[in-house]
PDB file of N, CA and C in Angstrom:
ATOM      1  N   MET A   1      70.488 129.417  94.883  1.00  0.00           N
ATOM      2  CA  MET A   1      70.853 128.307  95.747  1.00  0.00           C
ATOM      3  C   MET A   1      72.360 128.175  95.810  1.00  0.00           C
ATOM      4  N   ASN A   2      72.864 127.932  96.983  1.00  0.00           N
ATOM      5  CA  ASN A   2      74.291 127.690  97.120  1.00  0.00           C
ATOM      6  C   ASN A   2      74.540 126.197  97.309  1.00  0.00           C
ATOM      7  N   SER A   3      75.822 125.807  97.327  1.00  0.00           N
ATOM      8  CA  SER A   3      76.159 124.386  97.371  1.00  0.00           C
ATOM      9  C   SER A   3      75.812 123.731  98.699  1.00  0.00           C
ATOM     10  N   SER A   4      75.570 124.514  99.772  1.00  0.00           N
ATOM     11  CA  SER A   4      75.212 123.917 101.049  1.00  0.00           C
ATOM     12  C   SER A   4      73.708 123.790 101.230  1.00  0.00           C
ATOM     13  N   ASP A   5      72.927 124.172 100.222  1.00  0.00           N
ATOM     14  CA  ASP A   5      71.479 124.077 100.276  1.00  0.00           C
ATOM     15  C   ASP A   5      71.053 122.615 100.231  1.00  0.00           C
ATOM     16  N   PRO A   6      70.296 122.140 101.236  1.00  0.00           N
ATOM     17  CA  PRO A   6      69.899 120.728 101.241  1.00  0.00           C
ATOM     18  C   PRO A   6      68.933 120.376 100.116  1.00  0.00           C
ATOM     19  N   HIS A   7      68.292 121.385  99.519  1.00  0.00           N
ATOM     20  CA  HIS A   7      67.337 121.133  98.442  1.00  0.00           C
ATOM     21  C   HIS A   7      67.941 121.345  97.065  1.00  0.00           C
ATOM     22  N   ALA A   8      69.253 121.529  97.010  1.00  0.00           N
ATOM     23  CA  ALA A   8      69.921 121.749  95.728  1.00  0.00           C
ATOM     24  C   ALA A   8      69.904 120.459  94.916  1.00  0.00           C
ATOM     25  N   PRO A   9      69.748 120.570  93.610  1.00  0.00           N
ATOM     26  CA  PRO A   9      69.761 119.367  92.775  1.00  0.00           C
ATOM     27  C   PRO A   9      71.159 118.759  92.753  1.00  0.00           C
ATOM     28  N   PRO A  10      71.239 117.442  92.499  1.00  0.00           N
ATOM     29  CA  PRO A  10      72.559 116.815  92.438  1.00  0.00           C
ATOM     30  C   PRO A  10      73.362 117.358  91.265  1.00  0.00           C
ATOM     31  N   PRO A  11      74.690 117.303  91.355  1.00  0.00           N
ATOM     32  CA  PRO A  11      75.517 117.806  90.256  1.00  0.00           C
ATOM     33  C   PRO A  11      75.328 116.940  89.011  1.00  0.00           C
ATOM     34  N   PRO A  12      75.553 117.514  87.836  1.00  0.00           N
ATOM     35  CA  PRO A  12      75.453 116.719  86.621  1.00  0.00           C
ATOM     36  C   PRO A  12      76.483 115.589  86.618  1.00  0.00           C
ATOM     37  N   ASP A  13      76.264 114.582  85.767  1.00  0.00           N
ATOM     38  CA  ASP A  13      77.123 113.400  85.742  1.00  0.00           C
ATOM     39  C   ASP A  13      78.592 113.738  85.523  1.00  0.00           C
ATOM     40  N   GLY A  14      78.889 114.751  84.735  1.00  0.00           N
ATOM     41  CA  GLY A  14      80.277 115.119  84.463  1.00  0.00           C
ATOM     42  C   GLY A  14      80.996 115.651  85.686  1.00  0.00           C
ATOM     43  N   ASP A  15      80.266 116.224  86.643  1.00  0.00           N
ATOM     44  CA  ASP A  15      80.861 116.799  87.845  1.00  0.00           C
ATOM     45  C   ASP A  15      80.577 115.943  89.075  1.00  0.00           C
ATOM     46  N   ALA A  16      80.358 114.661  88.887  1.00  0.00           N
ATOM     47  CA  ALA A  16      79.932 113.787  89.975  1.00  0.00           C
ATOM     48  C   ALA A  16      81.046 113.511  90.979  1.00  0.00           C
ATOM     49  N   GLY A  17      82.249 113.940  90.724  1.00  0.00           N
ATOM     50  CA  GLY A  17      83.346 113.700  91.653  1.00  0.00           C
ATOM     51  C   GLY A  17      83.909 112.308  91.467  1.00  0.00           C
ATOM     52  N   PRO A  18      84.971 111.998  92.203  1.00  0.00           N
ATOM     53  CA  PRO A  18      85.622 110.696  92.031  1.00  0.00           C
ATOM     54  C   PRO A  18      84.773 109.562  92.592  1.00  0.00           C
ATOM     55  N   ARG A  19      84.826 108.439  91.930  1.00  0.00           N
ATOM     56  CA  ARG A  19      84.150 107.240  92.423  1.00  0.00           C
ATOM     57  C   ARG A  19      85.000 106.650  93.533  1.00  0.00           C
ATOM     58  N   HIS A  20      84.340 105.964  94.452  1.00  0.00           N
ATOM     59  CA  HIS A  20      85.068 105.286  95.512  1.00  0.00           C
ATOM     60  C   HIS A  20      85.457 103.900  95.026  1.00  0.00           C
ATOM     61  N   ALA A  21      86.644 103.475  95.377  1.00  0.00           N
ATOM     62  CA  ALA A  21      87.162 102.192  94.922  1.00  0.00           C
ATOM     63  C   ALA A  21      86.480 101.052  95.658  1.00  0.00           C
ATOM     64  N   GLY A  22      86.314  99.958  94.957  1.00  0.00           N
ATOM     65  CA  GLY A  22      85.760  98.761  95.561  1.00  0.00           C
ATOM     66  C   GLY A  22      86.841  97.963  96.272  1.00  0.00           C
ATOM     67  N   PHE A  23      86.403  96.946  96.976  1.00  0.00           N
ATOM     68  CA  PHE A  23      87.314  96.115  97.759  1.00  0.00           C
ATOM     69  C   PHE A  23      88.365  95.454  96.876  1.00  0.00           C
ATOM     70  N   LEU A  24      87.964  94.927  95.738  1.00  0.00           N
ATOM     71  CA  LEU A  24      88.920  94.259  94.849  1.00  0.00           C
ATOM     72  C   LEU A  24      89.924  95.236  94.252  1.00  0.00           C
ATOM     73  N   GLN A  25      89.489  96.459  93.971  1.00  0.00           N
ATOM     74  CA  GLN A  25      90.417  97.457  93.437  1.00  0.00           C
ATOM     75  C   GLN A  25      91.467  97.827  94.483  1.00  0.00           C
ATOM     76  N   VAL A  26      91.052  97.939  95.743  1.00  0.00           N
ATOM     77  CA  VAL A  26      92.003  98.247  96.811  1.00  0.00           C
ATOM     78  C   VAL A  26      92.995  97.095  96.976  1.00  0.00           C
ATOM     79  N   LEU A  27      92.482  95.851  96.977  1.00  0.00           N
ATOM     80  CA  LEU A  27      93.375  94.702  97.098  1.00  0.00           C
ATOM     81  C   LEU A  27      94.331  94.611  95.919  1.00  0.00           C
ATOM     82  N   GLY A  28      93.844  94.891  94.717  1.00  0.00           N
ATOM     83  CA  GLY A  28      94.712  94.873  93.547  1.00  0.00           C
ATOM     84  C   GLY A  28      95.800  95.926  93.623  1.00  0.00           C
ATOM     85  N   ALA A  29      95.456  97.101  94.106  1.00  0.00           N
ATOM     86  CA  ALA A  29      96.443  98.177  94.236  1.00  0.00           C
ATOM     87  C   ALA A  29      97.503  97.815  95.264  1.00  0.00           C
ATOM     88  N   VAL A  30      97.090  97.250  96.396  1.00  0.00           N
ATOM     89  CA  VAL A  30      98.042  96.885  97.439  1.00  0.00           C
ATOM     90  C   VAL A  30      98.914  95.715  96.979  1.00  0.00           C
ATOM     91  N   PHE A  31      98.308  94.709  96.346  1.00  0.00           N
ATOM     92  CA  PHE A  31      99.061  93.547  95.870  1.00  0.00           C
ATOM     93  C   PHE A  31     100.121  93.962  94.856  1.00  0.00           C
ATOM     94  N   SER A  32      99.733  94.797  93.902  1.00  0.00           N
ATOM     95  CA  SER A  32     100.711  95.219  92.894  1.00  0.00           C
ATOM     96  C   SER A  32     101.776  96.135  93.499  1.00  0.00           C
ATOM     97  N   SER A  33     101.436  96.859  94.530  1.00  0.00           N
ATOM     98  CA  SER A  33     102.422  97.703  95.207  1.00  0.00           C
ATOM     99  C   SER A  33     103.433  96.868  95.988  1.00  0.00           C
ATOM    100  N   PHE A  34     102.996  95.725  96.521  1.00  0.00           N
ATOM    101  CA  PHE A  34     103.923  94.827  97.219  1.00  0.00           C
ATOM    102  C   PHE A  34     105.046  94.398  96.286  1.00  0.00           C
ATOM    103  N   PHE A  35     104.715  94.191  95.025  1.00  0.00           N
ATOM    104  CA  PHE A  35     105.696  93.699  94.063  1.00  0.00           C
ATOM    105  C   PHE A  35     106.279  94.797  93.183  1.00  0.00           C
ATOM    106  N   GLY A  36     105.810  96.023  93.343  1.00  0.00           N
ATOM    107  CA  GLY A  36     106.358  97.154  92.606  1.00  0.00           C
ATOM    108  C   GLY A  36     106.013  97.163  91.132  1.00  0.00           C
ATOM    109  N   ILE A  37     104.806  96.732  90.785  1.00  0.00           N
ATOM    110  CA  ILE A  37     104.420  96.647  89.376  1.00  0.00           C
ATOM    111  C   ILE A  37     103.273  97.596  89.035  1.00  0.00           C
ATOM    112  N   ARG A  38     103.195  98.735  89.703  1.00  0.00           N
ATOM    113  CA  ARG A  38     102.130  99.704  89.447  1.00  0.00           C
ATOM    114  C   ARG A  38     102.470 100.575  88.249  1.00  0.00           C
ATOM    115  N   ARG A  39     101.485 100.846  87.414  1.00  0.00           N
ATOM    116  CA  ARG A  39     101.639 101.816  86.337  1.00  0.00           C
ATOM    117  C   ARG A  39     101.326 103.202  86.893  1.00  0.00           C
ATOM    118  N   LYS A  40     101.921 104.208  86.299  1.00  0.00           N
ATOM    119  CA  LYS A  40     101.733 105.572  86.788  1.00  0.00           C
ATOM    120  C   LYS A  40     100.273 105.999  86.687  1.00  0.00           C
ATOM    121  N   ALA A  41      99.627 105.691  85.576  1.00  0.00           N
ATOM    122  CA  ALA A  41      98.224 106.085  85.390  1.00  0.00           C
ATOM    123  C   ALA A  41      97.323 105.401  86.413  1.00  0.00           C
ATOM    124  N   ALA A  42      97.583 104.121  86.678  1.00  0.00           N
ATOM    125  CA  ALA A  42      96.770 103.400  87.664  1.00  0.00           C
ATOM    126  C   ALA A  42      97.001 103.961  89.060  1.00  0.00           C
ATOM    127  N   GLY A  43      98.230 104.304  89.367  1.00  0.00           N
ATOM    128  CA  GLY A  43      98.527 104.885  90.670  1.00  0.00           C
ATOM    129  C   GLY A  43      97.850 106.229  90.870  1.00  0.00           C
ATOM    130  N   GLU A  44      97.846 107.057  89.829  1.00  0.00           N
ATOM    131  CA  GLU A  44      97.185 108.362  89.921  1.00  0.00           C
ATOM    132  C   GLU A  44      95.677 108.193  90.059  1.00  0.00           C
ATOM    133  N   ARG A  45      95.103 107.231  89.341  1.00  0.00           N
ATOM    134  CA  ARG A  45      93.663 106.979  89.443  1.00  0.00           C
ATOM    135  C   ARG A  45      93.325 106.499  90.855  1.00  0.00           C
ATOM    136  N   ASP A  46      94.169 105.618  91.400  1.00  0.00           N
ATOM    137  CA  ASP A  46      93.905 105.077  92.726  1.00  0.00           C
ATOM    138  C   ASP A  46      94.069 106.125  93.818  1.00  0.00           C
ATOM    139  N   MET A  47      94.964 107.086  93.611  1.00  0.00           N
ATOM    140  CA  MET A  47      95.149 108.146  94.607  1.00  0.00           C
ATOM    141  C   MET A  47      93.873 108.961  94.793  1.00  0.00           C
ATOM    142  N   VAL A  48      93.063 109.040  93.749  1.00  0.00           N
ATOM    143  CA  VAL A  48      91.829 109.811  93.817  1.00  0.00           C
ATOM    144  C   VAL A  48      90.685 108.969  94.373  1.00  0.00           C
ATOM    145  N   SER A  49      90.650 107.673  94.038  1.00  0.00           N
ATOM    146  CA  SER A  49      89.480 106.869  94.367  1.00  0.00           C
ATOM    147  C   SER A  49      89.632 106.009  95.616  1.00  0.00           C
ATOM    148  N   ILE A  50      90.850 105.765  96.095  1.00  0.00           N
ATOM    149  CA  ILE A  50      91.045 104.910  97.263  1.00  0.00           C
ATOM    150  C   ILE A  50      91.356 105.766  98.479  1.00  0.00           C
ATOM    151  N   LYS A  51      90.667 105.471  99.567  1.00  0.00           N
ATOM    152  CA  LYS A  51      90.903 106.198 100.814  1.00  0.00           C
ATOM    153  C   LYS A  51      92.144 105.635 101.505  1.00  0.00           C
ATOM    154  N   PRO A  52      92.941 106.491 102.137  1.00  0.00           N
ATOM    155  CA  PRO A  52      94.169 106.031 102.799  1.00  0.00           C
ATOM    156  C   PRO A  52      93.919 104.956 103.867  1.00  0.00           C
ATOM    157  N   LEU A  53      92.838 105.055 104.596  1.00  0.00           N
ATOM    158  CA  LEU A  53      92.545 104.057 105.629  1.00  0.00           C
ATOM    159  C   LEU A  53      92.357 102.681 105.010  1.00  0.00           C
ATOM    160  N   HIS A  54      91.707 102.622 103.851  1.00  0.00           N
ATOM    161  CA  HIS A  54      91.504 101.339 103.174  1.00  0.00           C
ATOM    162  C   HIS A  54      92.834 100.738 102.729  1.00  0.00           C
ATOM    163  N   VAL A  55      93.742 101.582 102.268  1.00  0.00           N
ATOM    164  CA  VAL A  55      95.063 101.098 101.855  1.00  0.00           C
ATOM    165  C   VAL A  55      95.830 100.551 103.058  1.00  0.00           C
ATOM    166  N   ILE A  56      95.750 101.238 104.189  1.00  0.00           N
ATOM    167  CA  ILE A  56      96.448 100.794 105.396  1.00  0.00           C
ATOM    168  C   ILE A  56      95.898  99.446 105.857  1.00  0.00           C
ATOM    169  N   VAL A  57      94.586  99.319 105.915  1.00  0.00           N
ATOM    170  CA  VAL A  57      93.967  98.067 106.357  1.00  0.00           C
ATOM    171  C   VAL A  57      94.321  96.927 105.402  1.00  0.00           C
ATOM    172  N   ALA A  58      94.197  97.177 104.103  1.00  0.00           N
ATOM    173  CA  ALA A  58      94.528  96.139 103.120  1.00  0.00           C
ATOM    174  C   ALA A  58      96.010  95.783 103.170  1.00  0.00           C
ATOM    175  N   GLY A  59      96.862  96.755 103.399  1.00  0.00           N
ATOM    176  CA  GLY A  59      98.299  96.497 103.502  1.00  0.00           C
ATOM    177  C   GLY A  59      98.645  95.645 104.716  1.00  0.00           C
ATOM    178  N   VAL A  60      98.035  95.950 105.849  1.00  0.00           N
ATOM    179  CA  VAL A  60      98.284  95.157 107.066  1.00  0.00           C
ATOM    180  C   VAL A  60      97.767  93.732 106.875  1.00  0.00           C
ATOM    181  N   LEU A  61      96.574  93.584 106.298  1.00  0.00           N
ATOM    182  CA  LEU A  61      96.038  92.244 106.045  1.00  0.00           C
ATOM    183  C   LEU A  61      96.901  91.483 105.041  1.00  0.00           C
ATOM    184  N   GLY A  62      97.347  92.162 103.996  1.00  0.00           N
ATOM    185  CA  GLY A  62      98.207  91.521 103.009  1.00  0.00           C
ATOM    186  C   GLY A  62      99.539  91.097 103.599  1.00  0.00           C
ATOM    187  N   ALA A  63     100.123  91.934 104.432  1.00  0.00           N
ATOM    188  CA  ALA A  63     101.394  91.589 105.077  1.00  0.00           C
ATOM    189  C   ALA A  63     101.211  90.424 106.042  1.00  0.00           C
ATOM    190  N   ALA A  64     100.118  90.417 106.793  1.00  0.00           N
ATOM    191  CA  ALA A  64      99.846  89.309 107.709  1.00  0.00           C
ATOM    192  C   ALA A  64      99.654  88.004 106.936  1.00  0.00           C
ATOM    193  N   PHE A  65      98.965  88.059 105.816  1.00  0.00           N
ATOM    194  CA  PHE A  65      98.774  86.871 104.984  1.00  0.00           C
ATOM    195  C   PHE A  65     100.105  86.380 104.431  1.00  0.00           C
ATOM    196  N   LEU A  66     100.944  87.292 103.979  1.00  0.00           N
ATOM    197  CA  LEU A  66     102.252  86.930 103.436  1.00  0.00           C
ATOM    198  C   LEU A  66     103.127  86.277 104.511  1.00  0.00           C
ATOM    199  N   VAL A  67     103.155  86.856 105.703  1.00  0.00           N
ATOM    200  CA  VAL A  67     103.961  86.301 106.792  1.00  0.00           C
ATOM    201  C   VAL A  67     103.422  84.930 107.198  1.00  0.00           C
ATOM    202  N   ALA A  68     102.115  84.795 107.321  1.00  0.00           N
ATOM    203  CA  ALA A  68     101.527  83.501 107.695  1.00  0.00           C
ATOM    204  C   ALA A  68     101.840  82.437 106.649  1.00  0.00           C
ATOM    205  N   THR A  69     101.770  82.802 105.383  1.00  0.00           N
ATOM    206  CA  THR A  69     102.089  81.862 104.311  1.00  0.00           C
ATOM    207  C   THR A  69     103.549  81.424 104.383  1.00  0.00           C
ATOM    208  N   LEU A  70     104.445  82.364 104.607  1.00  0.00           N
ATOM    209  CA  LEU A  70     105.867  82.020 104.719  1.00  0.00           C
ATOM    210  C   LEU A  70     106.149  81.134 105.930  1.00  0.00           C
ATOM    211  N   VAL A  71     105.515  81.419 107.059  1.00  0.00           N
ATOM    212  CA  VAL A  71     105.709  80.601 108.261  1.00  0.00           C
ATOM    213  C   VAL A  71     105.199  79.182 108.017  1.00  0.00           C
ATOM    214  N   LEU A  72     104.036  79.042 107.417  1.00  0.00           N
ATOM    215  CA  LEU A  72     103.507  77.714 107.112  1.00  0.00           C
ATOM    216  C   LEU A  72     104.390  76.963 106.123  1.00  0.00           C
ATOM    217  N   LEU A  73     104.892  77.658 105.121  1.00  0.00           N
ATOM    218  CA  LEU A  73     105.765  77.030 104.128  1.00  0.00           C
ATOM    219  C   LEU A  73     107.064  76.545 104.763  1.00  0.00           C
ATOM    220  N   VAL A  74     107.676  77.369 105.594  1.00  0.00           N
ATOM    221  CA  VAL A  74     108.927  76.987 106.251  1.00  0.00           C
ATOM    222  C   VAL A  74     108.689  75.830 107.220  1.00  0.00           C
ATOM    223  N   SER A  75     107.593  75.880 107.970  1.00  0.00           N
ATOM    224  CA  SER A  75     107.325  74.784 108.911  1.00  0.00           C
ATOM    225  C   SER A  75     107.026  73.488 108.158  1.00  0.00           C
ATOM    226  N   TYR A  76     106.404  73.551 107.006  1.00  0.00           N
ATOM    227  CA  TYR A  76     106.136  72.364 106.201  1.00  0.00           C
ATOM    228  C   TYR A  76     107.436  71.784 105.658  1.00  0.00           C
ATOM    229  N   ILE A  77     108.315  72.640 105.184  1.00  0.00           N
ATOM    230  CA  ILE A  77     109.576  72.185 104.599  1.00  0.00           C
ATOM    231  C   ILE A  77     110.502  71.590 105.657  1.00  0.00           C
ATOM    232  N   THR A  78     110.521  72.177 106.846  1.00  0.00           N
ATOM    233  CA  THR A  78     111.483  71.763 107.863  1.00  0.00           C
ATOM    234  C   THR A  78     110.939  70.722 108.822  1.00  0.00           C
ATOM    235  N   ARG A  79     109.709  70.272 108.671  1.00  0.00           N
ATOM    236  CA  ARG A  79     109.189  69.265 109.612  1.00  0.00           C
ATOM    237  C   ARG A  79     109.866  67.910 109.358  1.00  0.00           C
ATOM    238  N   LYS A  80     109.897  67.139 110.391  1.00  0.00           N
ATOM    239  CA  LYS A  80     110.544  65.823 110.290  1.00  0.00           C
ATOM    240  C   LYS A  80     109.508  64.809 109.840  1.00  0.00           C
ATOM    241  N   GLY A  81     109.907  63.998 108.869  1.00  0.00           N
ATOM    242  CA  GLY A  81     109.105  62.998 108.203  1.00  0.00           C
ATOM    243  C   GLY A  81     108.294  62.175 109.079  1.00  0.00           C
TER     244      GLY A  81
END
């Protein structure tokens, strides 16, 4: 049997390949990257388990949230009593 055989047994647990990152792991990676507090080991682990599209989407959402928060904060501070 070759690896493209549809009836091939699944690989053993040790060769199961990288796990896919969950939503919270992607958000944690993007949040810590915004502030530059990533550890090298965590970054290397995330490079294997997080898909680039997920990082882009989470980054755009995080940036939009940050900008909206800043706009609301400035408008609250500068409003007239």
